[in-house]
Amino acid sequence: MKVEVSERAVAASVTFGELPLGLTVDEARRVLRIGRRQLYQAIARRDVHTVKVGRSIRIPRSSLEAWLADPDHELAQSVR
């Protein structure tokens, strides 16, 4: 079952629990409201963990939660 994270859903303040377990890079960046480049840089730094599915990258919802919960992370500080 495919669950799409639309711009409308993000605007409606979807909770993390309502998101799919694995998000695409585009879905994750829309949820976090950050740029694609910033998210790829976080992935390269290994701040955000990923899972490869074939040639695609999926970002576990739990990885995004952990990244935002990290008080030493600059994005987490700017969101609070």
PDB file of N, CA and C in Angstrom:
ATOM      1  N   MET A   1       0.831  -1.172   0.000  1.00  0.00           N
ATOM      2  CA  MET A   1       0.000   0.000   0.000  1.00  0.00           C
ATOM      3  C   MET A   1       0.882   1.243   0.000  1.00  0.00           C
ATOM      4  N   LYS A   2       0.695   2.121  -0.961  1.00  0.00           N
ATOM      5  CA  LYS A   2       1.495   3.330  -1.076  1.00  0.00           C
ATOM      6  C   LYS A   2       0.768   4.489  -0.416  1.00  0.00           C
ATOM      7  N   VAL A   3       1.475   5.179   0.463  1.00  0.00           N
ATOM      8  CA  VAL A   3       0.918   6.347   1.129  1.00  0.00           C
ATOM      9  C   VAL A   3       1.688   7.553   0.625  1.00  0.00           C
ATOM     10  N   GLU A   4       0.991   8.507   0.057  1.00  0.00           N
ATOM     11  CA  GLU A   4       1.639   9.690  -0.466  1.00  0.00           C
ATOM     12  C   GLU A   4       1.578  10.814   0.559  1.00  0.00           C
ATOM     13  N   VAL A   5       2.675  11.520   0.678  1.00  0.00           N
ATOM     14  CA  VAL A   5       2.734  12.671   1.553  1.00  0.00           C
ATOM     15  C   VAL A   5       2.634  13.894   0.648  1.00  0.00           C
ATOM     16  N   SER A   6       1.468  14.470   0.593  1.00  0.00           N
ATOM     17  CA  SER A   6       1.240  15.600  -0.295  1.00  0.00           C
ATOM     18  C   SER A   6       1.591  16.912   0.398  1.00  0.00           C
ATOM     19  N   GLU A   7       1.732  17.956  -0.398  1.00  0.00           N
ATOM     20  CA  GLU A   7       1.958  19.292   0.153  1.00  0.00           C
ATOM     21  C   GLU A   7       0.814  19.664   1.087  1.00  0.00           C
ATOM     22  N   ARG A   8      -0.374  19.267   0.720  1.00  0.00           N
ATOM     23  CA  ARG A   8      -1.559  19.567   1.520  1.00  0.00           C
ATOM     24  C   ARG A   8      -1.492  18.881   2.885  1.00  0.00           C
ATOM     25  N   ALA A   9      -1.023  17.631   2.903  1.00  0.00           N
ATOM     26  CA  ALA A   9      -0.913  16.899   4.165  1.00  0.00           C
ATOM     27  C   ALA A   9       0.120  17.542   5.073  1.00  0.00           C
ATOM     28  N   VAL A  10       1.217  17.997   4.501  1.00  0.00           N
ATOM     29  CA  VAL A  10       2.252  18.643   5.301  1.00  0.00           C
ATOM     30  C   VAL A  10       1.707  19.938   5.885  1.00  0.00           C
ATOM     31  N   ALA A  11       0.963  20.676   5.079  1.00  0.00           N
ATOM     32  CA  ALA A  11       0.386  21.937   5.552  1.00  0.00           C
ATOM     33  C   ALA A  11      -0.629  21.706   6.669  1.00  0.00           C
ATOM     34  N   ALA A  12      -1.221  20.528   6.707  1.00  0.00           N
ATOM     35  CA  ALA A  12      -2.220  20.211   7.722  1.00  0.00           C
ATOM     36  C   ALA A  12      -1.580  19.684   9.004  1.00  0.00           C
ATOM     37  N   SER A  13      -0.257  19.825   9.149  1.00  0.00           N
ATOM     38  CA  SER A  13       0.471  19.395  10.340  1.00  0.00           C
ATOM     39  C   SER A  13       0.252  17.918  10.651  1.00  0.00           C
ATOM     40  N   VAL A  14       0.663  17.078   9.750  1.00  0.00           N
ATOM     41  CA  VAL A  14       0.596  15.636   9.936  1.00  0.00           C
ATOM     42  C   VAL A  14       1.580  15.249  11.035  1.00  0.00           C
ATOM     43  N   THR A  15       1.161  14.388  11.954  1.00  0.00           N
ATOM     44  CA  THR A  15       2.071  13.938  12.999  1.00  0.00           C
ATOM     45  C   THR A  15       3.001  12.874  12.432  1.00  0.00           C
ATOM     46  N   PHE A  16       4.136  12.672  13.091  1.00  0.00           N
ATOM     47  CA  PHE A  16       5.090  11.682  12.617  1.00  0.00           C
ATOM     48  C   PHE A  16       4.470  10.295  12.581  1.00  0.00           C
ATOM     49  N   GLY A  17       3.595  10.003  13.512  1.00  0.00           N
ATOM     50  CA  GLY A  17       2.961   8.698  13.564  1.00  0.00           C
ATOM     51  C   GLY A  17       2.094   8.397  12.361  1.00  0.00           C
ATOM     52  N   GLU A  18       1.638   9.436  11.677  1.00  0.00           N
ATOM     53  CA  GLU A  18       0.795   9.261  10.502  1.00  0.00           C
ATOM     54  C   GLU A  18       1.602   9.112   9.205  1.00  0.00           C
ATOM     55  N   LEU A  19       2.899   9.332   9.280  1.00  0.00           N
ATOM     56  CA  LEU A  19       3.751   9.201   8.094  1.00  0.00           C
ATOM     57  C   LEU A  19       4.067   7.736   7.817  1.00  0.00           C
ATOM     58  N   PRO A  20       4.413   7.416   6.564  1.00  0.00           N
ATOM     59  CA  PRO A  20       4.833   6.047   6.274  1.00  0.00           C
ATOM     60  C   PRO A  20       6.125   5.713   7.022  1.00  0.00           C
ATOM     61  N   LEU A  21       6.394   4.436   7.220  1.00  0.00           N
ATOM     62  CA  LEU A  21       7.608   4.032   7.940  1.00  0.00           C
ATOM     63  C   LEU A  21       8.873   4.437   7.208  1.00  0.00           C
ATOM     64  N   GLY A  22       8.842   4.424   5.884  1.00  0.00           N
ATOM     65  CA  GLY A  22       9.985   4.819   5.079  1.00  0.00           C
ATOM     66  C   GLY A  22       9.574   5.891   4.092  1.00  0.00           C
ATOM     67  N   LEU A  23      10.290   7.000   4.093  1.00  0.00           N
ATOM     68  CA  LEU A  23       9.964   8.113   3.210  1.00  0.00           C
ATOM     69  C   LEU A  23      11.022   8.272   2.128  1.00  0.00           C
ATOM     70  N   THR A  24      10.607   8.770   0.989  1.00  0.00           N
ATOM     71  CA  THR A  24      11.569   9.135  -0.043  1.00  0.00           C
ATOM     72  C   THR A  24      12.259  10.420   0.407  1.00  0.00           C
ATOM     73  N   VAL A  25      13.339  10.775  -0.262  1.00  0.00           N
ATOM     74  CA  VAL A  25      14.045  12.011   0.066  1.00  0.00           C
ATOM     75  C   VAL A  25      13.111  13.204  -0.120  1.00  0.00           C
ATOM     76  N   ASP A  26      12.344  13.200  -1.197  1.00  0.00           N
ATOM     77  CA  ASP A  26      11.437  14.310  -1.459  1.00  0.00           C
ATOM     78  C   ASP A  26      10.355  14.415  -0.381  1.00  0.00           C
ATOM     79  N   GLU A  27       9.797  13.292   0.037  1.00  0.00           N
ATOM     80  CA  GLU A  27       8.783  13.307   1.094  1.00  0.00           C
ATOM     81  C   GLU A  27       9.372  13.828   2.395  1.00  0.00           C
ATOM     82  N   ALA A  28      10.565  13.347   2.737  1.00  0.00           N
ATOM     83  CA  ALA A  28      11.211  13.756   3.987  1.00  0.00           C
ATOM     84  C   ALA A  28      11.534  15.243   3.990  1.00  0.00           C
ATOM     85  N   ARG A  29      12.022  15.757   2.872  1.00  0.00           N
ATOM     86  CA  ARG A  29      12.375  17.185   2.839  1.00  0.00           C
ATOM     87  C   ARG A  29      11.131  18.059   2.929  1.00  0.00           C
ATOM     88  N   ARG A  30      10.006  17.581   2.363  1.00  0.00           N
ATOM     89  CA  ARG A  30       8.765  18.352   2.473  1.00  0.00           C
ATOM     90  C   ARG A  30       8.247  18.347   3.903  1.00  0.00           C
ATOM     91  N   VAL A  31       8.339  17.206   4.569  1.00  0.00           N
ATOM     92  CA  VAL A  31       7.897  17.116   5.964  1.00  0.00           C
ATOM     93  C   VAL A  31       8.754  18.037   6.841  1.00  0.00           C
ATOM     94  N   LEU A  32      10.057  18.030   6.606  1.00  0.00           N
ATOM     95  CA  LEU A  32      10.968  18.850   7.407  1.00  0.00           C
ATOM     96  C   LEU A  32      11.009  20.305   6.956  1.00  0.00           C
ATOM     97  N   ARG A  33      10.476  20.552   5.760  1.00  0.00           N
ATOM     98  CA  ARG A  33      10.483  21.891   5.164  1.00  0.00           C
ATOM     99  C   ARG A  33      11.899  22.423   5.010  1.00  0.00           C
ATOM    100  N   ILE A  34      12.755  21.566   4.455  1.00  0.00           N
ATOM    101  CA  ILE A  34      14.130  21.943   4.152  1.00  0.00           C
ATOM    102  C   ILE A  34      14.401  21.630   2.686  1.00  0.00           C
ATOM    103  N   GLY A  35      15.509  22.104   2.190  1.00  0.00           N
ATOM    104  CA  GLY A  35      15.873  21.873   0.809  1.00  0.00           C
ATOM    105  C   GLY A  35      16.435  20.474   0.582  1.00  0.00           C
ATOM    106  N   ARG A  36      16.364  20.053  -0.651  1.00  0.00           N
ATOM    107  CA  ARG A  36      16.881  18.740  -1.045  1.00  0.00           C
ATOM    108  C   ARG A  36      18.378  18.626  -0.737  1.00  0.00           C
ATOM    109  N   ARG A  37      19.113  19.686  -1.050  1.00  0.00           N
ATOM    110  CA  ARG A  37      20.560  19.679  -0.816  1.00  0.00           C
ATOM    111  C   ARG A  37      20.882  19.531   0.666  1.00  0.00           C
ATOM    112  N   GLN A  38      20.159  20.250   1.506  1.00  0.00           N
ATOM    113  CA  GLN A  38      20.399  20.177   2.945  1.00  0.00           C
ATOM    114  C   GLN A  38      20.157  18.764   3.471  1.00  0.00           C
ATOM    115  N   LEU A  39      19.127  18.101   2.958  1.00  0.00           N
ATOM    116  CA  LEU A  39      18.846  16.743   3.397  1.00  0.00           C
ATOM    117  C   LEU A  39      19.924  15.771   2.912  1.00  0.00           C
ATOM    118  N   TYR A  40      20.353  15.921   1.660  1.00  0.00           N
ATOM    119  CA  TYR A  40      21.430  15.053   1.161  1.00  0.00           C
ATOM    120  C   TYR A  40      22.734  15.284   1.925  1.00  0.00           C
ATOM    121  N   GLN A  41      22.992  16.510   2.349  1.00  0.00           N
ATOM    122  CA  GLN A  41      24.184  16.774   3.154  1.00  0.00           C
ATOM    123  C   GLN A  41      24.084  16.077   4.511  1.00  0.00           C
ATOM    124  N   ALA A  42      22.902  16.078   5.115  1.00  0.00           N
ATOM    125  CA  ALA A  42      22.694  15.380   6.388  1.00  0.00           C
ATOM    126  C   ALA A  42      22.884  13.879   6.212  1.00  0.00           C
ATOM    127  N   ILE A  43      22.438  13.355   5.075  1.00  0.00           N
ATOM    128  CA  ILE A  43      22.628  11.933   4.782  1.00  0.00           C
ATOM    129  C   ILE A  43      24.116  11.633   4.622  1.00  0.00           C
ATOM    130  N   ALA A  44      24.836  12.495   3.911  1.00  0.00           N
ATOM    131  CA  ALA A  44      26.279  12.303   3.703  1.00  0.00           C
ATOM    132  C   ALA A  44      27.044  12.352   5.027  1.00  0.00           C
ATOM    133  N   ARG A  45      26.604  13.223   5.953  1.00  0.00           N
ATOM    134  CA  ARG A  45      27.235  13.315   7.281  1.00  0.00           C
ATOM    135  C   ARG A  45      26.813  12.166   8.193  1.00  0.00           C
ATOM    136  N   ARG A  46      25.848  11.396   7.729  1.00  0.00           N
ATOM    137  CA  ARG A  46      25.263  10.295   8.492  1.00  0.00           C
ATOM    138  C   ARG A  46      24.486  10.772   9.709  1.00  0.00           C
ATOM    139  N   ASP A  47      23.961  11.988   9.608  1.00  0.00           N
ATOM    140  CA  ASP A  47      23.051  12.481  10.640  1.00  0.00           C
ATOM    141  C   ASP A  47      21.694  11.806  10.486  1.00  0.00           C
ATOM    142  N   VAL A  48      21.347  11.518   9.243  1.00  0.00           N
ATOM    143  CA  VAL A  48      20.087  10.850   8.912  1.00  0.00           C
ATOM    144  C   VAL A  48      20.443   9.504   8.303  1.00  0.00           C
ATOM    145  N   HIS A  49      19.901   8.444   8.860  1.00  0.00           N
ATOM    146  CA  HIS A  49      20.169   7.098   8.360  1.00  0.00           C
ATOM    147  C   HIS A  49      19.225   6.780   7.211  1.00  0.00           C
ATOM    148  N   THR A  50      19.721   6.001   6.269  1.00  0.00           N
ATOM    149  CA  THR A  50      18.926   5.630   5.102  1.00  0.00           C
ATOM    150  C   THR A  50      18.956   4.127   4.887  1.00  0.00           C
ATOM    151  N   VAL A  51      18.022   3.668   4.063  1.00  0.00           N
ATOM    152  CA  VAL A  51      17.953   2.272   3.664  1.00  0.00           C
ATOM    153  C   VAL A  51      17.861   2.257   2.144  1.00  0.00           C
ATOM    154  N   LYS A  52      18.676   1.445   1.510  1.00  0.00           N
ATOM    155  CA  LYS A  52      18.615   1.318   0.055  1.00  0.00           C
ATOM    156  C   LYS A  52      17.591   0.251  -0.306  1.00  0.00           C
ATOM    157  N   VAL A  53      16.698   0.595  -1.199  1.00  0.00           N
ATOM    158  CA  VAL A  53      15.710  -0.338  -1.736  1.00  0.00           C
ATOM    159  C   VAL A  53      15.931  -0.326  -3.242  1.00  0.00           C
ATOM    160  N   GLY A  54      16.662  -1.326  -3.718  1.00  0.00           N
ATOM    161  CA  GLY A  54      17.069  -1.292  -5.117  1.00  0.00           C
ATOM    162  C   GLY A  54      17.982  -0.110  -5.325  1.00  0.00           C
ATOM    163  N   ARG A  55      17.618   0.777  -6.247  1.00  0.00           N
ATOM    164  CA  ARG A  55      18.404   1.987  -6.484  1.00  0.00           C
ATOM    165  C   ARG A  55      17.838   3.195  -5.765  1.00  0.00           C
ATOM    166  N   SER A  56      16.792   2.989  -4.995  1.00  0.00           N
ATOM    167  CA  SER A  56      16.135   4.091  -4.289  1.00  0.00           C
ATOM    168  C   SER A  56      16.616   4.192  -2.848  1.00  0.00           C
ATOM    169  N   ILE A  57      16.541   5.389  -2.321  1.00  0.00           N
ATOM    170  CA  ILE A  57      16.869   5.642  -0.918  1.00  0.00           C
ATOM    171  C   ILE A  57      15.567   5.863  -0.160  1.00  0.00           C
ATOM    172  N   ARG A  58      15.439   5.214   0.973  1.00  0.00           N
ATOM    173  CA  ARG A  58      14.305   5.453   1.860  1.00  0.00           C
ATOM    174  C   ARG A  58      14.860   5.900   3.204  1.00  0.00           C
ATOM    175  N   ILE A  59      14.163   6.829   3.809  1.00  0.00           N
ATOM    176  CA  ILE A  59      14.574   7.352   5.105  1.00  0.00           C
ATOM    177  C   ILE A  59      13.551   6.886   6.138  1.00  0.00           C
ATOM    178  N   PRO A  60      13.987   6.073   7.094  1.00  0.00           N
ATOM    179  CA  PRO A  60      13.051   5.621   8.122  1.00  0.00           C
ATOM    180  C   PRO A  60      12.511   6.801   8.929  1.00  0.00           C
ATOM    181  N   ARG A  61      11.238   6.760   9.195  1.00  0.00           N
ATOM    182  CA  ARG A  61      10.590   7.793   9.996  1.00  0.00           C
ATOM    183  C   ARG A  61      11.319   7.969  11.329  1.00  0.00           C
ATOM    184  N   SER A  62      11.752   6.875  11.924  1.00  0.00           N
ATOM    185  CA  SER A  62      12.447   6.930  13.213  1.00  0.00           C
ATOM    186  C   SER A  62      13.766   7.699  13.109  1.00  0.00           C
ATOM    187  N   SER A  63      14.414   7.642  11.954  1.00  0.00           N
ATOM    188  CA  SER A  63      15.660   8.377  11.744  1.00  0.00           C
ATOM    189  C   SER A  63      15.408   9.884  11.751  1.00  0.00           C
ATOM    190  N   LEU A  64      14.314  10.304  11.142  1.00  0.00           N
ATOM    191  CA  LEU A  64      13.968  11.727  11.142  1.00  0.00           C
ATOM    192  C   LEU A  64      13.644  12.205  12.555  1.00  0.00           C
ATOM    193  N   GLU A  65      12.907  11.382  13.300  1.00  0.00           N
ATOM    194  CA  GLU A  65      12.566  11.739  14.678  1.00  0.00           C
ATOM    195  C   GLU A  65      13.825  11.881  15.532  1.00  0.00           C
ATOM    196  N   ALA A  66      14.756  10.934  15.374  1.00  0.00           N
ATOM    197  CA  ALA A  66      15.993  10.980  16.151  1.00  0.00           C
ATOM    198  C   ALA A  66      16.831  12.201  15.779  1.00  0.00           C
ATOM    199  N   TRP A  67      16.858  12.532  14.494  1.00  0.00           N
ATOM    200  CA  TRP A  67      17.623  13.687  14.032  1.00  0.00           C
ATOM    201  C   TRP A  67      17.066  14.973  14.630  1.00  0.00           C
ATOM    202  N   LEU A  68      15.765  15.107  14.633  1.00  0.00           N
ATOM    203  CA  LEU A  68      15.148  16.309  15.196  1.00  0.00           C
ATOM    204  C   LEU A  68      15.261  16.367  16.714  1.00  0.00           C
ATOM    205  N   ALA A  69      15.303  15.221  17.354  1.00  0.00           N
ATOM    206  CA  ALA A  69      15.388  15.168  18.816  1.00  0.00           C
ATOM    207  C   ALA A  69      16.792  15.451  19.333  1.00  0.00           C
ATOM    208  N   ASP A  70      17.796  15.406  18.462  1.00  0.00           N
ATOM    209  CA  ASP A  70      19.184  15.631  18.853  1.00  0.00           C
ATOM    210  C   ASP A  70      19.390  17.117  19.160  1.00  0.00           C
ATOM    211  N   PRO A  71      19.619  17.463  20.433  1.00  0.00           N
ATOM    212  CA  PRO A  71      19.733  18.881  20.791  1.00  0.00           C
ATOM    213  C   PRO A  71      20.983  19.557  20.227  1.00  0.00           C
ATOM    214  N   ASP A  72      21.978  18.784  19.798  1.00  0.00           N
ATOM    215  CA  ASP A  72      23.212  19.348  19.250  1.00  0.00           C
ATOM    216  C   ASP A  72      23.132  19.623  17.759  1.00  0.00           C
ATOM    217  N   HIS A  73      22.031  19.243  17.144  1.00  0.00           N
ATOM    218  CA  HIS A  73      21.912  19.400  15.702  1.00  0.00           C
ATOM    219  C   HIS A  73      21.337  20.767  15.354  1.00  0.00           C
ATOM    220  N   GLU A  74      21.924  21.431  14.360  1.00  0.00           N
ATOM    221  CA  GLU A  74      21.510  22.798  14.007  1.00  0.00           C
ATOM    222  C   GLU A  74      20.070  22.868  13.511  1.00  0.00           C
ATOM    223  N   LEU A  75      19.577  21.873  12.753  1.00  0.00           N
ATOM    224  CA  LEU A  75      18.207  21.901  12.281  1.00  0.00           C
ATOM    225  C   LEU A  75      17.252  21.748  13.456  1.00  0.00           C
ATOM    226  N   ALA A  76      17.595  20.861  14.383  1.00  0.00           N
ATOM    227  CA  ALA A  76      16.744  20.652  15.549  1.00  0.00           C
ATOM    228  C   ALA A  76      16.632  21.936  16.370  1.00  0.00           C
ATOM    229  N   GLN A  77      17.714  22.692  16.473  1.00  0.00           N
ATOM    230  CA  GLN A  77      17.699  23.935  17.220  1.00  0.00           C
ATOM    231  C   GLN A  77      16.872  25.002  16.533  1.00  0.00           C
ATOM    232  N   SER A  78      16.906  25.030  15.204  1.00  0.00           N
ATOM    233  CA  SER A  78      16.153  26.060  14.479  1.00  0.00           C
ATOM    234  C   SER A  78      14.665  25.767  14.440  1.00  0.00           C
ATOM    235  N   VAL A  79      14.270  24.494  14.610  1.00  0.00           N
ATOM    236  CA  VAL A  79      12.860  24.118  14.583  1.00  0.00           C
ATOM    237  C   VAL A  79      12.203  24.424  15.921  1.00  0.00           C
ATOM    238  N   ARG A  80      12.934  24.325  16.999  1.00  0.00           N
ATOM    239  CA  ARG A  80      12.360  24.508  18.348  1.00  0.00           C
ATOM    240  C   ARG A  80      12.049  25.922  18.669  1.00  0.00           C
TER     241      ARG A  80
END
